[in-house]
N, C-alpha and C. Protein backbone atom coordinates (compact mmCIF):
# COMPACT_ATOMS: atom_id res chain seq x y z
N MET A 1 117.30 108.44 109.51
CA MET A 1 116.00 108.24 109.97
C MET A 1 115.40 107.07 109.17
N PRO A 2 114.96 106.01 109.83
CA PRO A 2 114.13 104.93 109.17
C PRO A 2 113.09 105.27 108.50
N VAL A 3 113.00 104.34 107.40
CA VAL A 3 111.76 104.69 106.73
C VAL A 3 111.03 103.19 106.40
N ALA A 4 109.74 103.08 106.53
CA ALA A 4 109.04 101.86 106.18
C ALA A 4 107.75 102.11 105.25
N THR A 5 107.39 101.05 104.91
CA THR A 5 106.09 101.25 103.84
C THR A 5 104.89 100.40 104.92
N GLY A 6 103.74 100.78 104.46
CA GLY A 6 102.47 99.94 105.02
C GLY A 6 101.57 100.29 103.89
N GLN A 7 100.41 99.70 104.51
CA GLN A 7 98.99 99.83 104.02
C GLN A 7 98.09 100.12 104.95
N ILE A 8 97.08 101.11 104.72
CA ILE A 8 96.05 101.46 105.71
C ILE A 8 94.96 100.37 105.59
N ARG A 9 94.68 99.81 106.71
CA ARG A 9 93.70 98.70 106.71
C ARG A 9 92.32 99.38 107.26
N ASP A 10 92.44 100.22 108.25
CA ASP A 10 91.09 100.82 109.06
C ASP A 10 91.68 102.30 109.41
N ALA A 11 90.60 103.05 109.06
CA ALA A 11 90.85 104.45 109.34
C ALA A 11 89.65 105.06 109.85
N SER A 12 89.90 106.13 110.82
CA SER A 12 88.81 106.88 111.55
C SER A 12 89.45 108.23 111.50
N ILE A 13 88.53 109.08 112.03
CA ILE A 13 88.94 110.59 112.22
C ILE A 13 90.00 110.64 113.20
N ARG A 14 89.91 109.56 114.09
CA ARG A 14 91.04 109.59 115.26
C ARG A 14 92.24 109.02 114.79
N GLY A 15 92.28 108.11 113.93
CA GLY A 15 93.65 107.32 113.85
C GLY A 15 93.45 106.15 112.55
N LEU A 16 94.65 105.42 112.49
CA LEU A 16 94.79 104.47 111.55
C LEU A 16 95.22 103.01 112.03
N PHE A 17 94.99 102.18 111.27
CA PHE A 17 95.59 100.63 111.53
C PHE A 17 96.25 100.65 110.27
N ILE A 18 97.73 100.35 110.29
CA ILE A 18 98.70 100.26 109.17
C ILE A 18 99.14 98.93 109.23
N ALA A 19 99.00 98.21 108.20
CA ALA A 19 99.52 96.88 108.11
C ALA A 19 100.87 97.18 107.31
N THR A 20 101.98 96.60 108.36
CA THR A 20 103.44 96.79 108.01
C THR A 20 104.26 95.65 108.69
N ASP A 21 105.20 95.34 108.18
CA ASP A 21 106.10 94.20 108.85
C ASP A 21 107.36 95.05 109.48
N TYR A 22 107.40 96.29 109.48
CA TYR A 22 108.13 97.18 110.18
C TYR A 22 107.99 97.02 111.66
N THR A 23 109.07 96.58 112.55
CA THR A 23 108.81 96.21 114.04
C THR A 23 109.60 97.27 114.70
N ASP A 24 110.51 98.12 114.10
CA ASP A 24 111.48 98.90 115.07
C ASP A 24 110.79 100.14 115.36
N VAL A 25 109.57 100.02 116.06
CA VAL A 25 108.95 101.13 116.60
C VAL A 25 108.30 100.76 118.10
N GLN A 26 108.21 101.68 118.86
CA GLN A 26 107.45 101.28 120.21
C GLN A 26 106.19 102.16 120.39
N VAL A 27 105.48 101.81 121.18
CA VAL A 27 104.26 102.17 121.66
C VAL A 27 104.43 103.65 122.39
N ASN A 28 103.69 104.72 122.16
CA ASN A 28 103.80 105.93 122.49
C ASN A 28 104.90 106.84 121.49
N GLN A 29 105.59 106.30 120.67
CA GLN A 29 106.46 106.98 119.75
C GLN A 29 105.65 107.77 118.75
N THR A 30 106.08 108.85 118.46
CA THR A 30 105.44 109.60 117.37
C THR A 30 106.19 109.50 116.08
N LEU A 31 105.10 109.14 114.99
CA LEU A 31 105.77 108.92 113.58
C LEU A 31 105.31 109.86 112.55
N GLU A 32 105.93 110.25 111.77
CA GLU A 32 105.45 111.02 110.52
C GLU A 32 105.13 110.18 109.34
N LEU A 33 103.84 110.12 109.12
CA LEU A 33 103.20 109.55 107.92
C LEU A 33 103.13 110.43 106.69
N GLU A 34 103.81 109.75 105.60
CA GLU A 34 103.79 110.54 104.46
C GLU A 34 103.16 109.84 103.37
N PHE A 35 102.29 110.39 102.45
CA PHE A 35 101.56 109.85 101.45
C PHE A 35 101.08 110.86 100.50
N ARG A 36 100.54 110.03 99.18
CA ARG A 36 100.09 111.02 98.32
C ARG A 36 99.00 110.17 97.71
N PHE A 37 98.04 111.02 97.05
CA PHE A 37 96.76 110.42 96.23
C PHE A 37 97.27 110.03 94.82
N PRO A 38 97.22 108.55 94.61
CA PRO A 38 97.78 108.04 93.59
C PRO A 38 96.98 108.67 92.23
N ASP A 39 95.53 109.01 92.45
CA ASP A 39 94.77 109.45 91.27
C ASP A 39 94.77 110.64 90.94
N LYS A 40 95.61 111.65 91.98
CA LYS A 40 95.62 113.11 91.53
C LYS A 40 96.90 113.30 90.78
N LYS A 41 96.81 114.27 90.07
CA LYS A 41 97.76 114.75 88.99
C LYS A 41 99.04 115.31 89.56
N GLU A 42 98.95 115.73 90.81
CA GLU A 42 99.83 116.43 91.55
C GLU A 42 100.66 115.45 92.09
N ASN A 43 101.99 115.65 92.21
CA ASN A 43 102.82 114.66 92.57
C ASN A 43 103.23 114.93 94.23
N ALA A 44 102.53 116.01 94.83
CA ALA A 44 102.90 116.32 95.95
C ALA A 44 102.49 115.33 97.26
N PHE A 45 103.54 115.13 98.29
CA PHE A 45 103.33 114.50 99.29
C PHE A 45 102.54 115.13 100.46
N ARG A 46 101.73 114.52 101.19
CA ARG A 46 100.99 115.14 102.32
C ARG A 46 101.62 114.43 103.54
N ARG A 47 101.72 115.07 104.55
CA ARG A 47 102.53 114.62 105.88
C ARG A 47 101.66 114.87 107.04
N ILE A 48 101.47 113.81 107.83
CA ILE A 48 100.87 114.18 109.27
C ILE A 48 101.55 113.33 110.24
N LYS A 49 101.09 113.68 111.54
CA LYS A 49 101.88 113.12 112.66
C LYS A 49 100.92 112.14 113.26
N ALA A 50 101.41 111.02 114.01
CA ALA A 50 100.76 110.24 114.65
C ALA A 50 101.42 109.45 115.84
N GLN A 51 100.60 109.29 116.77
CA GLN A 51 101.31 108.28 117.99
C GLN A 51 100.98 106.98 117.90
N VAL A 52 101.80 106.05 118.00
CA VAL A 52 101.58 104.60 118.14
C VAL A 52 101.05 104.32 119.22
N VAL A 53 99.70 103.70 119.19
CA VAL A 53 99.05 103.43 120.46
C VAL A 53 98.75 101.65 120.62
N ARG A 54 99.05 101.04 119.44
CA ARG A 54 99.14 99.54 119.52
C ARG A 54 99.97 98.93 118.52
N LYS A 55 100.76 97.89 118.97
CA LYS A 55 101.58 97.06 118.01
C LYS A 55 100.96 95.64 117.97
N SER A 56 100.99 95.10 116.95
CA SER A 56 100.63 93.69 116.66
C SER A 56 101.58 92.96 115.62
N ASP A 57 101.50 91.82 115.35
CA ASP A 57 102.23 91.18 114.22
C ASP A 57 101.83 91.53 112.84
N ASP A 58 100.62 92.14 113.00
CA ASP A 58 100.09 92.33 111.51
C ASP A 58 100.32 93.96 111.13
N GLY A 59 100.61 94.84 112.20
CA GLY A 59 100.91 96.06 111.90
C GLY A 59 100.94 97.13 113.10
N LEU A 60 100.57 98.43 112.74
CA LEU A 60 100.40 99.32 114.02
C LEU A 60 99.23 100.15 114.15
N GLY A 61 98.86 100.47 115.27
CA GLY A 61 97.71 101.32 115.33
C GLY A 61 98.01 102.50 115.76
N VAL A 62 97.59 103.90 115.10
CA VAL A 62 98.51 105.00 115.38
C VAL A 62 97.06 106.01 115.76
N ASP A 63 97.22 107.07 116.49
CA ASP A 63 96.28 108.12 116.80
C ASP A 63 96.87 109.40 116.54
N PHE A 64 95.79 110.30 115.99
CA PHE A 64 96.22 111.55 115.33
C PHE A 64 95.91 112.62 116.74
N GLU A 65 95.18 112.06 117.66
CA GLU A 65 94.65 112.86 118.75
C GLU A 65 96.07 113.50 119.59
N GLY A 66 96.05 114.87 119.72
CA GLY A 66 96.90 115.50 120.45
C GLY A 66 98.42 115.80 119.66
N MET A 67 98.20 115.44 118.28
CA MET A 67 99.26 115.88 117.49
C MET A 67 99.03 117.21 116.78
N ASP A 68 100.13 117.90 116.08
CA ASP A 68 99.63 119.07 115.50
C ASP A 68 99.60 118.77 114.09
N ASN A 69 98.27 118.70 113.70
CA ASN A 69 97.91 118.21 112.20
C ASN A 69 97.02 119.15 111.59
N ASP A 70 97.16 119.11 110.30
CA ASP A 70 96.14 119.87 109.37
C ASP A 70 94.89 118.91 109.35
N GLY A 71 93.77 119.36 109.95
CA GLY A 71 92.33 118.73 110.07
C GLY A 71 92.03 118.42 108.54
N PHE A 72 92.39 119.50 107.45
CA PHE A 72 91.93 119.29 106.14
C PHE A 72 92.74 117.85 105.71
N THR A 73 93.94 117.82 105.78
CA THR A 73 94.70 116.78 105.29
C THR A 73 94.08 115.10 105.92
N ILE A 74 93.84 115.21 107.01
CA ILE A 74 93.09 114.01 107.48
C ILE A 74 91.83 113.73 106.86
N SER A 75 91.04 114.94 106.84
CA SER A 75 89.88 114.73 106.19
C SER A 75 89.86 114.14 104.78
N ALA A 76 90.92 114.86 103.94
CA ALA A 76 90.89 114.31 102.59
C ALA A 76 91.46 112.91 102.54
N LEU A 77 92.27 112.43 103.30
CA LEU A 77 92.58 111.29 103.21
C LEU A 77 91.58 110.29 103.58
N LEU A 78 90.58 110.45 104.64
CA LEU A 78 89.35 109.80 104.75
C LEU A 78 88.46 109.64 103.69
N SER A 79 88.27 110.85 103.13
CA SER A 79 87.47 110.72 101.95
C SER A 79 87.89 109.99 100.67
N TRP A 80 89.27 110.32 100.43
CA TRP A 80 89.90 109.46 99.56
C TRP A 80 89.73 108.02 99.66
N LEU A 81 90.01 107.41 100.85
CA LEU A 81 89.83 106.10 101.27
C LEU A 81 88.38 105.70 100.90
N GLN A 82 87.57 106.36 101.48
CA GLN A 82 86.15 106.05 101.20
C GLN A 82 85.75 105.97 99.80
N LYS A 83 86.17 106.89 99.07
CA LYS A 83 85.85 107.06 97.48
C LYS A 83 86.49 105.83 96.93
N ASN A 84 87.63 105.62 97.09
CA ASN A 84 88.24 104.47 96.59
C ASN A 84 88.07 103.01 97.21
N ASN A 85 87.06 102.85 97.99
CA ASN A 85 86.57 101.48 98.26
C ASN A 85 87.79 100.88 99.44
N TYR A 86 88.22 101.76 100.15
CA TYR A 86 89.20 101.14 101.03
C TYR A 86 88.50 101.11 102.26
N ILE A 87 88.76 100.38 103.32
CA ILE A 87 88.12 100.33 104.42
C ILE A 87 88.23 101.44 105.46
N VAL A 88 87.02 102.10 105.71
CA VAL A 88 87.03 103.32 106.66
C VAL A 88 85.98 103.15 107.84
N THR A 89 86.28 103.22 108.92
CA THR A 89 85.58 102.68 110.11
C THR A 89 85.44 104.13 110.75
N TYR A 90 83.84 104.67 111.05
CA TYR A 90 83.88 105.76 111.74
C TYR A 90 83.25 105.38 113.17
N PHE A 91 84.15 105.69 114.22
CA PHE A 91 83.69 105.47 115.47
C PHE A 91 82.98 106.76 116.21
N PRO A 92 81.65 106.44 116.38
CA PRO A 92 80.62 107.43 116.86
C PRO A 92 81.13 107.64 118.57
N PRO A 93 80.72 108.64 119.01
CA PRO A 93 81.13 109.15 120.36
C PRO A 93 80.17 108.09 121.20
N ILE A 94 80.89 107.53 122.28
CA ILE A 94 80.32 106.69 123.25
C ILE A 94 79.16 107.26 124.12
N ARG A 95 78.02 106.65 124.08
CA ARG A 95 76.85 107.37 124.68
C ARG A 95 76.52 106.66 126.06
N GLN A 96 76.23 107.46 127.15
CA GLN A 96 76.35 106.73 128.48
C GLN A 96 74.65 106.55 128.44
N ASN A 97 74.22 105.43 128.85
CA ASN A 97 72.83 105.17 129.26
C ASN A 97 72.59 105.07 130.66
N TYR A 98 71.94 106.26 131.18
CA TYR A 98 71.73 106.30 132.43
C TYR A 98 70.22 105.77 132.66
N PRO A 99 70.29 105.06 133.90
CA PRO A 99 69.11 104.31 134.66
C PRO A 99 67.84 105.13 135.00
N TYR A 100 67.58 106.32 134.43
CA TYR A 100 66.65 107.35 134.88
C TYR A 100 65.39 107.07 134.38
């Protein structure tokens, strides 16, 4: 199984953009992302699944939707990123403006 490293550049409750130079991945491919919180005393790794929805020269866009993930793990990751001043972007629901 191939292993690659990357750095989260953008995050939301729906997915991540991961900066990486790993290119042996296809759009719609399912990945397992493994991470741990560096400031925690525990050495346990967390694992989430994501689907590749975008590829660029800078990295990969991955989506959590439709994957069997623990919502607590995703929330903990987003909270940690925000607490440690990493870029976290929350995308609010799209609102329709009706001409009534």
